[in-house]
Amino acid sequence: AKITKEQAIKLLKEKKDLLDLGIITQEEFDRAKEE
């Protein structure tokens, strides 16, 4: 299934929280943001 705009925003916010907590790297966040 294609991801909706709302789902993409929510997912990106979750990735940002994980970045801020140090759980994922800046590179992983940037890759998710680009996608």
PDB file of all heavy atoms in Angstrom:
ATOM      1  N   ALA A   1       0.826  -1.217   0.000  1.00  0.00           N
ATOM      2  CA  ALA A   1       0.000   0.000   0.000  1.00  0.00           C
ATOM      3  C   ALA A   1       0.855   1.260   0.000  1.00  0.00           C
ATOM      4  O   ALA A   1       1.896   1.319   0.641  1.00  0.00           O
ATOM      5  CB  ALA A   1      -0.925   0.007   1.216  1.00  0.00           C
ATOM      6  N   LYS A   2       0.374   2.242  -0.762  1.00  0.00           N
ATOM      7  CA  LYS A   2       1.028   3.546  -0.757  1.00  0.00           C
ATOM      8  C   LYS A   2       0.778   4.204   0.595  1.00  0.00           C
ATOM      9  O   LYS A   2      -0.297   4.073   1.167  1.00  0.00           O
ATOM     10  CB  LYS A   2       0.438   4.452  -1.842  1.00  0.00           C
ATOM     11  CG  LYS A   2       0.700   3.995  -3.244  1.00  0.00           C
ATOM     12  CD  LYS A   2       0.027   4.957  -4.206  1.00  0.00           C
ATOM     13  CE  LYS A   2       0.113   4.477  -5.622  1.00  0.00           C
ATOM     14  NZ  LYS A   2      -0.631   5.354  -6.532  1.00  0.00           N
ATOM     15  N   ILE A   3       1.757   4.911   1.066  1.00  0.00           N
ATOM     16  CA  ILE A   3       1.612   5.620   2.334  1.00  0.00           C
ATOM     17  C   ILE A   3       0.919   6.964   2.061  1.00  0.00           C
ATOM     18  O   ILE A   3       1.185   7.622   1.063  1.00  0.00           O
ATOM     19  CB  ILE A   3       2.997   5.803   2.998  1.00  0.00           C
ATOM     20  CG1 ILE A   3       2.858   6.304   4.423  1.00  0.00           C
ATOM     21  CG2 ILE A   3       3.901   6.680   2.189  1.00  0.00           C
ATOM     22  CD1 ILE A   3       4.165   6.235   5.206  1.00  0.00           C
ATOM     23  N   THR A   4       0.009   7.365   2.952  1.00  0.00           N
ATOM     24  CA  THR A   4      -0.685   8.641   2.774  1.00  0.00           C
ATOM     25  C   THR A   4       0.187   9.785   3.295  1.00  0.00           C
ATOM     26  O   THR A   4       1.167   9.563   4.013  1.00  0.00           O
ATOM     27  CB  THR A   4      -2.019   8.659   3.543  1.00  0.00           C
ATOM     28  OG1 THR A   4      -1.744   8.602   4.950  1.00  0.00           O
ATOM     29  CG2 THR A   4      -2.917   7.511   3.130  1.00  0.00           C
ATOM     30  N   LYS A   5      -0.203  11.001   2.957  1.00  0.00           N
ATOM     31  CA  LYS A   5       0.535  12.185   3.410  1.00  0.00           C
ATOM     32  C   LYS A   5       0.562  12.233   4.944  1.00  0.00           C
ATOM     33  O   LYS A   5       1.605  12.484   5.545  1.00  0.00           O
ATOM     34  CB  LYS A   5      -0.133  13.437   2.847  1.00  0.00           C
ATOM     35  CG  LYS A   5       0.550  14.731   3.221  1.00  0.00           C
ATOM     36  CD  LYS A   5      -0.121  15.921   2.547  1.00  0.00           C
ATOM     37  CE  LYS A   5       0.612  17.197   2.873  1.00  0.00           C
ATOM     38  NZ  LYS A   5       0.087  18.340   2.119  1.00  0.00           N
ATOM     39  N   GLU A   6      -0.581  11.974   5.560  1.00  0.00           N
ATOM     40  CA  GLU A   6      -0.675  12.009   7.021  1.00  0.00           C
ATOM     41  C   GLU A   6       0.207  10.939   7.658  1.00  0.00           C
ATOM     42  O   GLU A   6       0.871  11.180   8.670  1.00  0.00           O
ATOM     43  CB  GLU A   6      -2.131  11.832   7.471  1.00  0.00           C
ATOM     44  CG  GLU A   6      -3.046  12.994   7.126  1.00  0.00           C
ATOM     45  CD  GLU A   6      -3.430  13.060   5.643  1.00  0.00           C
ATOM     46  OE1 GLU A   6      -3.350  12.024   4.938  1.00  0.00           O
ATOM     47  OE2 GLU A   6      -3.784  14.157   5.183  1.00  0.00           O
ATOM     48  N   GLN A   7       0.212   9.743   7.064  1.00  0.00           N
ATOM     49  CA  GLN A   7       1.053   8.661   7.576  1.00  0.00           C
ATOM     50  C   GLN A   7       2.536   9.004   7.431  1.00  0.00           C
ATOM     51  O   GLN A   7       3.339   8.707   8.315  1.00  0.00           O
ATOM     52  CB  GLN A   7       0.746   7.350   6.842  1.00  0.00           C
ATOM     53  CG  GLN A   7      -0.615   6.777   7.161  1.00  0.00           C
ATOM     54  CD  GLN A   7      -0.994   5.633   6.229  1.00  0.00           C
ATOM     55  OE1 GLN A   7      -0.626   5.610   5.052  1.00  0.00           O
ATOM     56  NE2 GLN A   7      -1.744   4.677   6.761  1.00  0.00           N
ATOM     57  N   ALA A   8       2.888   9.640   6.309  1.00  0.00           N
ATOM     58  CA  ALA A   8       4.288  10.018   6.069  1.00  0.00           C
ATOM     59  C   ALA A   8       4.751  11.059   7.091  1.00  0.00           C
ATOM     60  O   ALA A   8       5.862  10.968   7.623  1.00  0.00           O
ATOM     61  CB  ALA A   8       4.455  10.553   4.652  1.00  0.00           C
ATOM     62  N   ILE A   9       3.897  12.043   7.389  1.00  0.00           N
ATOM     63  CA  ILE A   9       4.236  13.071   8.379  1.00  0.00           C
ATOM     64  C   ILE A   9       4.422  12.432   9.754  1.00  0.00           C
ATOM     65  O   ILE A   9       5.401  12.716  10.464  1.00  0.00           O
ATOM     66  CB  ILE A   9       3.145  14.177   8.416  1.00  0.00           C
ATOM     67  CG1 ILE A   9       3.185  14.992   7.119  1.00  0.00           C
ATOM     68  CG2 ILE A   9       3.319  15.081   9.634  1.00  0.00           C
ATOM     69  CD1 ILE A   9       2.011  15.929   6.927  1.00  0.00           C
ATOM     70  N   LYS A  10       3.494  11.560  10.133  1.00  0.00           N
ATOM     71  CA  LYS A  10       3.581  10.884  11.433  1.00  0.00           C
ATOM     72  C   LYS A  10       4.861  10.057  11.527  1.00  0.00           C
ATOM     73  O   LYS A  10       5.561  10.100  12.550  1.00  0.00           O
ATOM     74  CB  LYS A  10       2.348   9.989  11.631  1.00  0.00           C
ATOM     75  CG  LYS A  10       2.323   9.266  12.959  1.00  0.00           C
ATOM     76  CD  LYS A  10       1.083   8.399  13.090  1.00  0.00           C
ATOM     77  CE  LYS A  10       1.137   7.629  14.404  1.00  0.00           C
ATOM     78  NZ  LYS A  10       0.050   6.685  14.535  1.00  0.00           N
ATOM     79  N   LEU A  11       5.173   9.329  10.472  1.00  0.00           N
ATOM     80  CA  LEU A  11       6.372   8.498  10.459  1.00  0.00           C
ATOM     81  C   LEU A  11       7.641   9.338  10.554  1.00  0.00           C
ATOM     82  O   LEU A  11       8.572   8.996  11.293  1.00  0.00           O
ATOM     83  CB  LEU A  11       6.394   7.628   9.191  1.00  0.00           C
ATOM     84  CG  LEU A  11       7.502   6.605   9.080  1.00  0.00           C
ATOM     85  CD1 LEU A  11       7.507   5.657  10.274  1.00  0.00           C
ATOM     86  CD2 LEU A  11       7.346   5.816   7.790  1.00  0.00           C
ATOM     87  N   LEU A  12       7.668  10.456   9.848  1.00  0.00           N
ATOM     88  CA  LEU A  12       8.848  11.329   9.902  1.00  0.00           C
ATOM     89  C   LEU A  12       9.023  11.932  11.299  1.00  0.00           C
ATOM     90  O   LEU A  12      10.149  12.035  11.807  1.00  0.00           O
ATOM     91  CB  LEU A  12       8.746  12.436   8.846  1.00  0.00           C
ATOM     92  CG  LEU A  12       9.998  13.281   8.647  1.00  0.00           C
ATOM     93  CD1 LEU A  12      11.184  12.400   8.247  1.00  0.00           C
ATOM     94  CD2 LEU A  12       9.753  14.347   7.591  1.00  0.00           C
ATOM     95  N   LYS A  13       7.914  12.305  11.939  1.00  0.00           N
ATOM     96  CA  LYS A  13       7.985  12.817  13.313  1.00  0.00           C
ATOM     97  C   LYS A  13       8.508  11.753  14.273  1.00  0.00           C
ATOM     98  O   LYS A  13       9.297  12.042  15.177  1.00  0.00           O
ATOM     99  CB  LYS A  13       6.609  13.318  13.775  1.00  0.00           C
ATOM    100  CG  LYS A  13       6.204  14.641  13.145  1.00  0.00           C
ATOM    101  CD  LYS A  13       4.835  15.093  13.624  1.00  0.00           C
ATOM    102  CE  LYS A  13       4.453  16.414  13.006  1.00  0.00           C
ATOM    103  NZ  LYS A  13       3.123  16.865  13.433  1.00  0.00           N
ATOM    104  N   GLU A  14       8.061  10.505  14.063  1.00  0.00           N
ATOM    105  CA  GLU A  14       8.551   9.399  14.902  1.00  0.00           C
ATOM    106  C   GLU A  14      10.048   9.193  14.692  1.00  0.00           C
ATOM    107  O   GLU A  14      10.795   8.968  15.658  1.00  0.00           O
ATOM    108  CB  GLU A  14       7.790   8.109  14.579  1.00  0.00           C
ATOM    109  CG  GLU A  14       6.360   8.110  15.059  1.00  0.00           C
ATOM    110  CD  GLU A  14       5.556   6.906  14.571  1.00  0.00           C
ATOM    111  OE1 GLU A  14       6.133   6.014  13.904  1.00  0.00           O
ATOM    112  OE2 GLU A  14       4.345   6.868  14.853  1.00  0.00           O
ATOM    113  N   LYS A  15      10.499   9.303  13.444  1.00  0.00           N
ATOM    114  CA  LYS A  15      11.932   9.154  13.143  1.00  0.00           C
ATOM    115  C   LYS A  15      12.729  10.286  13.795  1.00  0.00           C
ATOM    116  O   LYS A  15      13.825  10.063  14.306  1.00  0.00           O
ATOM    117  CB  LYS A  15      12.181   9.146  11.623  1.00  0.00           C
ATOM    118  CG  LYS A  15      11.597   7.967  10.903  1.00  0.00           C
ATOM    119  CD  LYS A  15      12.376   6.715  11.144  1.00  0.00           C
ATOM    120  CE  LYS A  15      11.834   5.560  10.322  1.00  0.00           C
ATOM    121  NZ  LYS A  15      12.468   4.298  10.629  1.00  0.00           N
ATOM    122  N   LYS A  16      12.162  11.491  13.797  1.00  0.00           N
ATOM    123  CA  LYS A  16      12.833  12.639  14.425  1.00  0.00           C
ATOM    124  C   LYS A  16      12.979  12.407  15.928  1.00  0.00           C
ATOM    125  O   LYS A  16      14.029  12.683  16.526  1.00  0.00           O
ATOM    126  CB  LYS A  16      12.051  13.926  14.145  1.00  0.00           C
ATOM    127  CG  LYS A  16      12.606  15.174  14.809  1.00  0.00           C
ATOM    128  CD  LYS A  16      13.957  15.563  14.237  1.00  0.00           C
ATOM    129  CE  LYS A  16      14.340  16.939  14.753  1.00  0.00           C
ATOM    130  NZ  LYS A  16      15.669  16.957  15.339  1.00  0.00           N
ATOM    131  N   ASP A  17      11.912  11.888  16.557  1.00  0.00           N
ATOM    132  CA  ASP A  17      11.975  11.568  17.987  1.00  0.00           C
ATOM    133  C   ASP A  17      13.055  10.526  18.260  1.00  0.00           C
ATOM    134  O   ASP A  17      13.807  10.634  19.237  1.00  0.00           O
ATOM    135  CB  ASP A  17      10.619  11.055  18.492  1.00  0.00           C
ATOM    136  CG  ASP A  17       9.559  12.147  18.545  1.00  0.00           C
ATOM    137  OD1 ASP A  17       9.927  13.351  18.502  1.00  0.00           O
ATOM    138  OD2 ASP A  17       8.364  11.796  18.622  1.00  0.00           O
ATOM    139  N   LEU A  18      13.140   9.507  17.398  1.00  0.00           N
ATOM    140  CA  LEU A  18      14.164   8.473  17.559  1.00  0.00           C
ATOM    141  C   LEU A  18      15.571   9.053  17.384  1.00  0.00           C
ATOM    142  O   LEU A  18      16.504   8.654  18.092  1.00  0.00           O
ATOM    143  CB  LEU A  18      13.934   7.333  16.561  1.00  0.00           C
ATOM    144  CG  LEU A  18      12.671   6.499  16.776  1.00  0.00           C
ATOM    145  CD1 LEU A  18      12.491   5.494  15.632  1.00  0.00           C
ATOM    146  CD2 LEU A  18      12.725   5.769  18.113  1.00  0.00           C
ATOM    147  N   LEU A  19      15.708  10.009  16.478  1.00  0.00           N
ATOM    148  CA  LEU A  19      16.996  10.684  16.285  1.00  0.00           C
ATOM    149  C   LEU A  19      17.363  11.476  17.531  1.00  0.00           C
ATOM    150  O   LEU A  19      18.495  11.386  18.029  1.00  0.00           O
ATOM    151  CB  LEU A  19      16.935  11.611  15.063  1.00  0.00           C
ATOM    152  CG  LEU A  19      18.176  12.467  14.812  1.00  0.00           C
ATOM    153  CD1 LEU A  19      19.377  11.583  14.461  1.00  0.00           C
ATOM    154  CD2 LEU A  19      17.911  13.481  13.699  1.00  0.00           C
ATOM    155  N   ASP A  20      16.408  12.245  18.059  1.00  0.00           N
ATOM    156  CA  ASP A  20      16.640  13.047  19.259  1.00  0.00           C
ATOM    157  C   ASP A  20      17.000  12.188  20.473  1.00  0.00           C
ATOM    158  O   ASP A  20      17.755  12.618  21.346  1.00  0.00           O
ATOM    159  CB  ASP A  20      15.415  13.912  19.586  1.00  0.00           C
ATOM    160  CG  ASP A  20      15.167  14.986  18.525  1.00  0.00           C
ATOM    161  OD1 ASP A  20      16.102  15.277  17.730  1.00  0.00           O
ATOM    162  OD2 ASP A  20      14.042  15.519  18.471  1.00  0.00           O
ATOM    163  N   LEU A  21      16.460  10.980  20.524  1.00  0.00           N
ATOM    164  CA  LEU A  21      16.760  10.069  21.624  1.00  0.00           C
ATOM    165  C   LEU A  21      18.073   9.307  21.400  1.00  0.00           C
ATOM    166  O   LEU A  21      18.507   8.554  22.276  1.00  0.00           O
ATOM    167  CB  LEU A  21      15.614   9.060  21.811  1.00  0.00           C
ATOM    168  CG  LEU A  21      14.290   9.650  22.296  1.00  0.00           C
ATOM    169  CD1 LEU A  21      13.170   8.616  22.160  1.00  0.00           C
ATOM    170  CD2 LEU A  21      14.418  10.110  23.742  1.00  0.00           C
ATOM    171  N   GLY A  22      18.666   9.470  20.224  1.00  0.00           N
ATOM    172  CA  GLY A  22      19.929   8.795  19.920  1.00  0.00           C
ATOM    173  C   GLY A  22      19.759   7.335  19.523  1.00  0.00           C
ATOM    174  O   GLY A  22      20.721   6.570  19.510  1.00  0.00           O
ATOM    175  N   ILE A  23      18.532   6.944  19.169  1.00  0.00           N
ATOM    176  CA  ILE A  23      18.262   5.550  18.802  1.00  0.00           C
ATOM    177  C   ILE A  23      18.639   5.280  17.344  1.00  0.00           C
ATOM    178  O   ILE A  23      19.074   4.186  17.007  1.00  0.00           O
ATOM    179  CB  ILE A  23      16.793   5.193  19.095  1.00  0.00           C
ATOM    180  CG1 ILE A  23      16.556   5.285  20.610  1.00  0.00           C
ATOM    181  CG2 ILE A  23      16.429   3.820  18.558  1.00  0.00           C
ATOM    182  CD1 ILE A  23      15.126   5.136  21.035  1.00  0.00           C
ATOM    183  N   ILE A  24      18.457   6.290  16.476  1.00  0.00           N
ATOM    184  CA  ILE A  24      18.894   6.163  15.084  1.00  0.00           C
ATOM    185  C   ILE A  24      19.911   7.261  14.786  1.00  0.00           C
ATOM    186  O   ILE A  24      19.998   8.267  15.504  1.00  0.00           O
ATOM    187  CB  ILE A  24      17.711   6.229  14.078  1.00  0.00           C
ATOM    188  CG1 ILE A  24      17.015   7.604  14.122  1.00  0.00           C
ATOM    189  CG2 ILE A  24      16.730   5.102  14.315  1.00  0.00           C
ATOM    190  CD1 ILE A  24      15.995   7.797  13.003  1.00  0.00           C
ATOM    191  N   THR A  25      20.677   7.087  13.722  1.00  0.00           N
ATOM    192  CA  THR A  25      21.710   8.056  13.348  1.00  0.00           C
ATOM    193  C   THR A  25      21.125   9.154  12.466  1.00  0.00           C
ATOM    194  O   THR A  25      20.026   9.003  11.917  1.00  0.00           O
ATOM    195  CB  THR A  25      22.851   7.361  12.575  1.00  0.00           C
ATOM    196  OG1 THR A  25      22.322   6.877  11.331  1.00  0.00           O
ATOM    197  CG2 THR A  25      23.460   6.218  13.379  1.00  0.00           C
ATOM    198  N   GLN A  26      21.884  10.223  12.309  1.00  0.00           N
ATOM    199  CA  GLN A  26      21.475  11.318  11.418  1.00  0.00           C
ATOM    200  C   GLN A  26      21.324  10.791   9.990  1.00  0.00           C
ATOM    201  O   GLN A  26      20.408  11.183   9.272  1.00  0.00           O
ATOM    202  CB  GLN A  26      22.506  12.457  11.459  1.00  0.00           C
ATOM    203  CG  GLN A  26      22.143  13.668  10.607  1.00  0.00           C
ATOM    204  CD  GLN A  26      20.921  14.412  11.117  1.00  0.00           C
ATOM    205  OE1 GLN A  26      20.810  14.689  12.302  1.00  0.00           O
ATOM    206  NE2 GLN A  26      19.999  14.759  10.228  1.00  0.00           N
ATOM    207  N   GLU A  27      22.204   9.888   9.603  1.00  0.00           N
ATOM    208  CA  GLU A  27      22.156   9.306   8.254  1.00  0.00           C
ATOM    209  C   GLU A  27      20.849   8.537   8.039  1.00  0.00           C
ATOM    210  O   GLU A  27      20.219   8.657   6.983  1.00  0.00           O
ATOM    211  CB  GLU A  27      23.354   8.373   8.059  1.00  0.00           C
ATOM    212  CG  GLU A  27      23.463   7.788   6.673  1.00  0.00           C
ATOM    213  CD  GLU A  27      24.668   6.868   6.544  1.00  0.00           C
ATOM    214  OE1 GLU A  27      25.807   7.343   6.744  1.00  0.00           O
ATOM    215  OE2 GLU A  27      24.439   5.677   6.245  1.00  0.00           O
ATOM    216  N   GLU A  28      20.420   7.752   9.034  1.00  0.00           N
ATOM    217  CA  GLU A  28      19.172   6.996   8.927  1.00  0.00           C
ATOM    218  C   GLU A  28      17.969   7.941   8.853  1.00  0.00           C
ATOM    219  O   GLU A  28      17.031   7.725   8.080  1.00  0.00           O
ATOM    220  CB  GLU A  28      19.011   6.046  10.119  1.00  0.00           C
ATOM    221  CG  GLU A  28      19.987   4.878  10.107  1.00  0.00           C
ATOM    222  CD  GLU A  28      19.970   4.075  11.388  1.00  0.00           C
ATOM    223  OE1 GLU A  28      20.038   4.690  12.483  1.00  0.00           O
ATOM    224  OE2 GLU A  28      19.873   2.835  11.293  1.00  0.00           O
ATOM    225  N   PHE A  29      18.013   9.023   9.646  1.00  0.00           N
ATOM    226  CA  PHE A  29      16.932  10.006   9.610  1.00  0.00           C
ATOM    227  C   PHE A  29      16.877  10.692   8.252  1.00  0.00           C
ATOM    228  O   PHE A  29      15.802  10.859   7.669  1.00  0.00           O
ATOM    229  CB  PHE A  29      17.095  11.050  10.712  1.00  0.00           C
ATOM    230  CG  PHE A  29      16.088  12.171  10.611  1.00  0.00           C
ATOM    231  CD1 PHE A  29      14.781  11.974  11.019  1.00  0.00           C
ATOM    232  CD2 PHE A  29      16.443  13.398  10.079  1.00  0.00           C
ATOM    233  CE1 PHE A  29      13.838  12.992  10.910  1.00  0.00           C
ATOM    234  CE2 PHE A  29      15.509  14.422   9.963  1.00  0.00           C
ATOM    235  CZ  PHE A  29      14.201  14.216  10.376  1.00  0.00           C
ATOM    236  N   ASP A  30      18.045  11.084   7.734  1.00  0.00           N
ATOM    237  CA  ASP A  30      18.101  11.765   6.433  1.00  0.00           C
ATOM    238  C   ASP A  30      17.563  10.872   5.319  1.00  0.00           C
ATOM    239  O   ASP A  30      16.867  11.345   4.406  1.00  0.00           O
ATOM    240  CB  ASP A  30      19.530  12.212   6.115  1.00  0.00           C
ATOM    241  CG  ASP A  30      20.008  13.348   7.020  1.00  0.00           C
ATOM    242  OD1 ASP A  30      19.147  14.010   7.652  1.00  0.00           O
ATOM    243  OD2 ASP A  30      21.231  13.555   7.106  1.00  0.00           O
ATOM    244  N   ARG A  31      17.880   9.587   5.380  1.00  0.00           N
ATOM    245  CA  ARG A  31      17.391   8.638   4.373  1.00  0.00           C
ATOM    246  C   ARG A  31      15.865   8.546   4.440  1.00  0.00           C
ATOM    247  O   ARG A  31      15.171   8.566   3.421  1.00  0.00           O
ATOM    248  CB  ARG A  31      18.037   7.277   4.586  1.00  0.00           C
ATOM    249  CG  ARG A  31      17.775   6.291   3.480  1.00  0.00           C
ATOM    250  CD  ARG A  31      18.549   4.986   3.572  1.00  0.00           C
ATOM    251  NE  ARG A  31      18.763   4.510   4.926  1.00  0.00           N
ATOM    252  CZ  ARG A  31      19.974   4.362   5.490  1.00  0.00           C
ATOM    253  NH1 ARG A  31      21.067   4.641   4.816  1.00  0.00           N
ATOM    254  NH2 ARG A  31      20.095   3.926   6.724  1.00  0.00           N
ATOM    255  N   ALA A  32      15.303   8.458   5.659  1.00  0.00           N
ATOM    256  CA  ALA A  32      13.851   8.398   5.831  1.00  0.00           C
ATOM    257  C   ALA A  32      13.200   9.690   5.342  1.00  0.00           C
ATOM    258  O   ALA A  32      12.162   9.663   4.667  1.00  0.00           O
ATOM    259  CB  ALA A  32      13.498   8.149   7.294  1.00  0.00           C
ATOM    260  N   LYS A  33      13.818  10.815   5.643  1.00  0.00           N
ATOM    261  CA  LYS A  33      13.291  12.123   5.219  1.00  0.00           C
ATOM    262  C   LYS A  33      13.261  12.218   3.699  1.00  0.00           C
ATOM    263  O   LYS A  33      12.282  12.685   3.108  1.00  0.00           O
ATOM    264  CB  LYS A  33      14.139  13.244   5.814  1.00  0.00           C
ATOM    265  CG  LYS A  33      13.636  14.633   5.493  1.00  0.00           C
ATOM    266  CD  LYS A  33      14.501  15.687   6.160  1.00  0.00           C
ATOM    267  CE  LYS A  33      14.029  17.072   5.804  1.00  0.00           C
ATOM    268  NZ  LYS A  33      14.888  18.118   6.407  1.00  0.00           N
ATOM    269  N   GLU A  34      14.329  11.746   3.066  1.00  0.00           N
ATOM    270  CA  GLU A  34      14.415  11.784   1.603  1.00  0.00           C
ATOM    271  C   GLU A  34      13.320  10.912   0.977  1.00  0.00           C
ATOM    272  O   GLU A  34      12.715  11.295  -0.029  1.00  0.00           O
ATOM    273  CB  GLU A  34      15.790  11.291   1.162  1.00  0.00           C
ATOM    274  CG  GLU A  34      16.032  11.394  -0.323  1.00  0.00           C
ATOM    275  CD  GLU A  34      17.437  10.935  -0.690  1.00  0.00           C
ATOM    276  OE1 GLU A  34      18.375  11.148   0.089  1.00  0.00           O
ATOM    277  OE2 GLU A  34      17.573  10.339  -1.773  1.00  0.00           O
ATOM    278  N   GLU A  35      13.049   9.747   1.570  1.00  0.00           N
ATOM    279  CA  GLU A  35      12.020   8.838   1.045  1.00  0.00           C
ATOM    280  C   GLU A  35      10.614   9.373   1.265  1.00  0.00           C
ATOM    281  O   GLU A  35       9.735   9.203   0.411  1.00  0.00           O
ATOM    282  CB  GLU A  35      12.134   7.471   1.717  1.00  0.00           C
ATOM    283  CG  GLU A  35      13.375   6.689   1.319  1.00  0.00           C
ATOM    284  CD  GLU A  35      13.561   5.420   2.145  1.00  0.00           C
ATOM    285  OE1 GLU A  35      12.664   5.078   2.963  1.00  0.00           O
ATOM    286  OE2 GLU A  35      14.595   4.775   1.976  1.00  0.00           O
TER     287      GLU A  35
END
